[in-house]
Amino acid sequence: MATNKTITVAMTGASGIQYAMRLIECLIQAECNVYVLMSKPAKIVMGMDTDDSAPSKTADLQRFLSERYNAKDGQLQAFGQEQWTAPIASGSGAPDAMVICPCTTGTLAAVAAGNCNNLLERAADVMLKEHRQLIVMPREMPFSTIHLENMLRLANAGAIIMPPNPAFYNRPKDIDELIDFVVARVLDQLDVAQTLQPRWGID
């Protein structure tokens, strides 16, 4: 399993911000470099889904997450949605992978259409054009035909579609274990070592 990768974690305004926060924590522990994008709706939903509130300013968000997860100096960087000078806005600065977690159907549609109206959409567009790994985690139910067609379009473009669907064969005892199941699968896709969940058929 590789380490010292650079991974972008982008959070949008769908419920399930816990997945992203746990993913960031695990990536920091694995000594990856982490870029963070958090939309305004994501900050609102964070206050609804959790007991935490996300700082409104990007610099404060970076400090908040760095201190929370004990990131090394410079290991975690947060960017604003209009920060077009961020490395993720260009193919020459593209990270190893990007995870949109959770992903609203609006963001799903925008990325599938190739829109670049903000840094998150542009960063996702860069990943596709540079043939880098893009993981999209749509959090919605039921899916309409439009949602499914957008997912198919992204899958055909090389993205990995991973709705955050936890399993129950491991007999989870609490919500944290459900979250860890999903995050473990994402880490496996990223080729980042994880010990959150045992592998199927391996004691």
Protein backbone atom coordinates (compact mmCIF):
# COMPACT_ATOMS: atom_id res chain seq x y z
CA MET A 1 0.00 0.00 0.00
CA ALA A 2 1.31 3.44 -0.95
CA THR A 3 1.76 6.31 1.48
CA ASN A 4 2.57 10.00 1.11
CA LYS A 5 -0.07 10.36 -1.56
CA THR A 6 -1.87 13.64 -2.05
CA ILE A 7 -5.64 13.26 -1.82
CA THR A 8 -8.36 15.87 -2.24
CA VAL A 9 -11.42 15.41 -0.04
CA ALA A 10 -14.35 17.53 -1.25
CA MET A 11 -17.48 17.88 0.87
CA THR A 12 -20.81 19.03 -0.54
CA GLY A 13 -24.19 19.68 1.03
CA ALA A 14 -25.50 16.12 1.29
CA SER A 15 -26.02 14.38 4.59
CA GLY A 16 -23.15 12.12 5.62
CA ILE A 17 -20.35 14.57 6.45
CA GLN A 18 -19.16 12.01 9.03
CA TYR A 19 -17.74 9.87 6.24
CA ALA A 20 -15.57 12.72 5.00
CA MET A 21 -14.35 13.68 8.44
CA ARG A 22 -13.34 10.13 9.25
CA LEU A 23 -11.67 9.79 5.85
CA ILE A 24 -9.62 12.93 6.47
CA GLU A 25 -8.58 11.59 9.86
CA CYS A 26 -7.45 8.28 8.39
CA LEU A 27 -5.56 9.92 5.53
CA ILE A 28 -3.68 12.13 7.99
CA GLN A 29 -2.82 9.09 10.11
CA ALA A 30 -1.58 7.33 6.96
CA GLU A 31 0.75 10.31 6.34
CA CYS A 32 -0.99 11.37 3.15
CA ASN A 33 -1.13 15.02 2.17
CA VAL A 34 -4.73 16.19 2.20
CA TYR A 35 -6.41 18.99 0.28
CA VAL A 36 -9.82 19.94 1.62
CA LEU A 37 -12.73 21.59 -0.18
CA MET A 38 -15.92 22.33 1.71
CA SER A 39 -18.88 24.02 0.10
CA LYS A 40 -21.11 26.45 1.98
CA PRO A 41 -24.00 23.96 2.01
CA ALA A 42 -21.61 21.34 3.43
CA LYS A 43 -20.82 23.65 6.33
CA ILE A 44 -24.54 24.07 7.00
CA VAL A 45 -25.15 20.32 6.86
CA MET A 46 -22.21 19.70 9.20
CA GLY A 47 -24.04 21.67 11.87
CA MET A 48 -27.15 19.56 11.24
CA ASP A 49 -25.44 16.16 11.08
CA THR A 50 -23.00 16.65 13.96
CA ASP A 51 -22.40 18.63 17.12
CA ASP A 52 -19.62 20.54 15.33
CA SER A 53 -19.77 23.71 13.28
CA ALA A 54 -17.39 24.38 10.42
CA PRO A 55 -15.52 27.70 10.44
CA SER A 56 -16.72 30.01 7.70
CA LYS A 57 -13.23 31.21 6.71
CA THR A 58 -10.97 28.85 4.78
CA ALA A 59 -7.91 29.59 6.92
CA ASP A 60 -9.90 28.85 10.07
CA LEU A 61 -11.21 25.62 8.55
CA GLN A 62 -7.66 24.53 7.76
CA ARG A 63 -6.56 25.30 11.31
CA PHE A 64 -9.60 23.55 12.79
CA LEU A 65 -9.05 20.32 10.85
CA SER A 66 -5.27 20.35 11.27
CA GLU A 67 -5.54 20.69 15.04
CA ARG A 68 -8.39 18.17 15.30
CA TYR A 69 -6.49 15.45 13.47
CA ASN A 70 -2.96 16.38 14.56
CA ALA A 71 -1.79 17.06 11.03
CA LYS A 72 1.84 17.92 10.51
CA ASP A 73 2.76 21.39 9.37
CA GLY A 74 1.55 21.76 5.77
CA GLN A 75 0.06 18.25 5.64
CA LEU A 76 -3.51 19.55 5.34
CA GLN A 77 -4.51 22.50 3.18
CA ALA A 78 -8.00 23.89 2.72
CA PHE A 79 -9.05 25.91 -0.31
CA GLY A 80 -11.99 28.20 -0.96
CA GLN A 81 -14.44 27.64 -3.79
CA GLU A 82 -13.15 30.69 -5.67
CA GLN A 83 -9.45 30.04 -5.03
CA TRP A 84 -8.44 29.51 -8.64
CA THR A 85 -4.72 29.64 -7.84
CA ALA A 86 -5.00 26.38 -5.85
CA PRO A 87 -2.88 23.55 -7.31
CA ILE A 88 -5.97 21.38 -7.86
CA ALA A 89 -7.25 23.89 -10.44
CA SER A 90 -4.58 22.80 -12.92
CA GLY A 91 -3.46 19.53 -14.42
CA SER A 92 0.12 20.42 -13.54
CA GLY A 93 -0.83 20.41 -9.86
CA ALA A 94 -3.33 17.56 -9.85
CA PRO A 95 -3.26 15.32 -6.76
CA ASP A 96 -3.12 11.54 -6.90
CA ALA A 97 -6.83 11.18 -6.22
CA MET A 98 -9.97 13.09 -5.31
CA VAL A 99 -12.96 11.94 -3.29
CA ILE A 100 -16.26 13.84 -3.35
CA CYS A 101 -17.78 12.75 -0.07
CA PRO A 102 -20.68 13.11 0.30
CA CYS A 103 -21.74 14.14 -3.20
CA THR A 104 -25.02 15.93 -3.85
CA THR A 105 -26.92 15.11 -7.01
CA GLY A 106 -26.37 18.72 -8.05
CA THR A 107 -22.60 18.30 -7.84
CA LEU A 108 -22.93 14.94 -9.58
CA ALA A 109 -24.74 16.62 -12.47
CA ALA A 110 -22.26 19.50 -12.66
CA VAL A 111 -19.22 17.22 -12.79
CA ALA A 112 -20.90 14.92 -15.32
CA ALA A 113 -21.61 17.94 -17.54
CA GLY A 114 -18.04 19.21 -17.28
CA ASN A 115 -19.03 22.40 -15.49
CA CYS A 116 -16.25 24.38 -13.84
CA ASN A 117 -18.20 27.08 -12.03
CA ASN A 118 -16.27 26.68 -8.78
CA LEU A 119 -13.02 25.11 -7.60
CA LEU A 120 -14.64 21.82 -6.61
CA GLU A 121 -16.11 21.29 -10.07
CA ARG A 122 -12.88 22.36 -11.74
CA ALA A 123 -10.82 20.05 -9.51
CA ALA A 124 -13.03 17.11 -10.46
CA ASP A 125 -12.79 18.06 -14.14
CA VAL A 126 -8.99 18.11 -13.85
CA MET A 127 -8.97 14.62 -12.36
CA LEU A 128 -10.96 13.25 -15.28
CA LYS A 129 -8.95 14.97 -17.99
CA GLU A 130 -5.65 13.93 -16.40
CA HIS A 131 -6.87 10.35 -15.93
CA ARG A 132 -6.39 10.54 -12.18
CA GLN A 133 -8.58 8.71 -9.70
CA LEU A 134 -11.92 10.40 -8.97
CA ILE A 135 -14.22 8.77 -6.42
CA VAL A 136 -17.77 10.09 -6.27
CA MET A 137 -19.98 9.17 -3.33
CA PRO A 138 -23.58 10.20 -4.12
CA ARG A 139 -25.80 10.26 -1.03
CA GLU A 140 -29.39 10.16 -2.19
CA MET A 141 -32.32 7.75 -2.35
CA PRO A 142 -34.09 6.83 -4.46
CA PHE A 143 -32.04 7.69 -7.54
CA SER A 144 -33.90 9.13 -10.51
CA THR A 145 -33.09 8.20 -14.08
CA ILE A 146 -31.23 11.51 -14.38
CA HIS A 147 -29.04 10.65 -11.37
CA LEU A 148 -28.28 7.19 -12.77
CA GLU A 149 -27.45 8.56 -16.20
CA ASN A 150 -25.08 11.09 -14.65
CA MET A 151 -23.37 8.32 -12.68
CA LEU A 152 -23.03 6.23 -15.83
CA ARG A 153 -21.59 9.19 -17.70
CA LEU A 154 -18.98 9.71 -14.99
CA ALA A 155 -18.20 6.00 -14.79
CA ASN A 156 -17.64 5.95 -18.55
CA ALA A 157 -15.27 8.92 -18.10
CA GLY A 158 -13.23 6.95 -15.57
CA ALA A 159 -14.73 7.94 -12.23
CA ILE A 160 -15.46 5.41 -9.50
CA ILE A 161 -19.03 5.60 -8.18
CA MET A 162 -19.25 4.62 -4.52
CA PRO A 163 -22.56 5.36 -2.79
CA PRO A 164 -21.85 5.17 0.96
CA ASN A 165 -23.67 1.90 1.60
CA PRO A 166 -22.49 0.17 4.80
CA ALA A 167 -22.83 -3.61 5.20
CA PHE A 168 -24.08 -5.51 8.21
CA TYR A 169 -22.33 -8.89 7.94
CA ASN A 170 -19.67 -7.57 10.31
CA ARG A 171 -22.38 -7.01 12.96
CA PRO A 172 -21.75 -3.29 13.60
CA LYS A 173 -22.40 -2.25 17.17
CA ASP A 174 -22.71 1.50 16.61
CA ILE A 175 -22.75 4.28 14.00
CA ASP A 176 -18.97 4.65 14.12
CA GLU A 177 -18.54 1.09 12.88
CA LEU A 178 -20.95 1.76 10.00
CA ILE A 179 -18.92 4.83 9.07
CA ASP A 180 -15.66 2.90 9.30
CA PHE A 181 -16.94 0.22 6.95
CA VAL A 182 -17.55 2.77 4.21
CA VAL A 183 -14.31 4.67 4.84
CA ALA A 184 -12.34 1.41 4.78
CA ARG A 185 -13.67 0.65 1.29
CA VAL A 186 -12.67 4.13 0.12
CA LEU A 187 -9.16 3.72 1.55
CA ASP A 188 -8.87 0.39 -0.26
CA GLN A 189 -9.76 2.10 -3.53
CA LEU A 190 -7.15 4.78 -2.81
CA ASP A 191 -4.54 2.09 -2.11
CA VAL A 192 -3.99 3.53 1.37
CA ALA A 193 -3.36 1.00 4.14
CA GLN A 194 -6.22 0.62 6.61
CA THR A 195 -7.08 -1.50 9.63
CA LEU A 196 -10.64 -0.26 10.09
CA GLN A 197 -12.23 -3.44 8.74
CA PRO A 198 -10.95 -6.99 8.25
CA ARG A 199 -10.91 -8.28 4.69
CA TRP A 200 -13.52 -10.79 3.58
CA GLY A 201 -12.45 -14.38 4.27
CA ILE A 202 -9.29 -13.31 6.12
CA ASP A 203 -9.13 -13.82 9.88
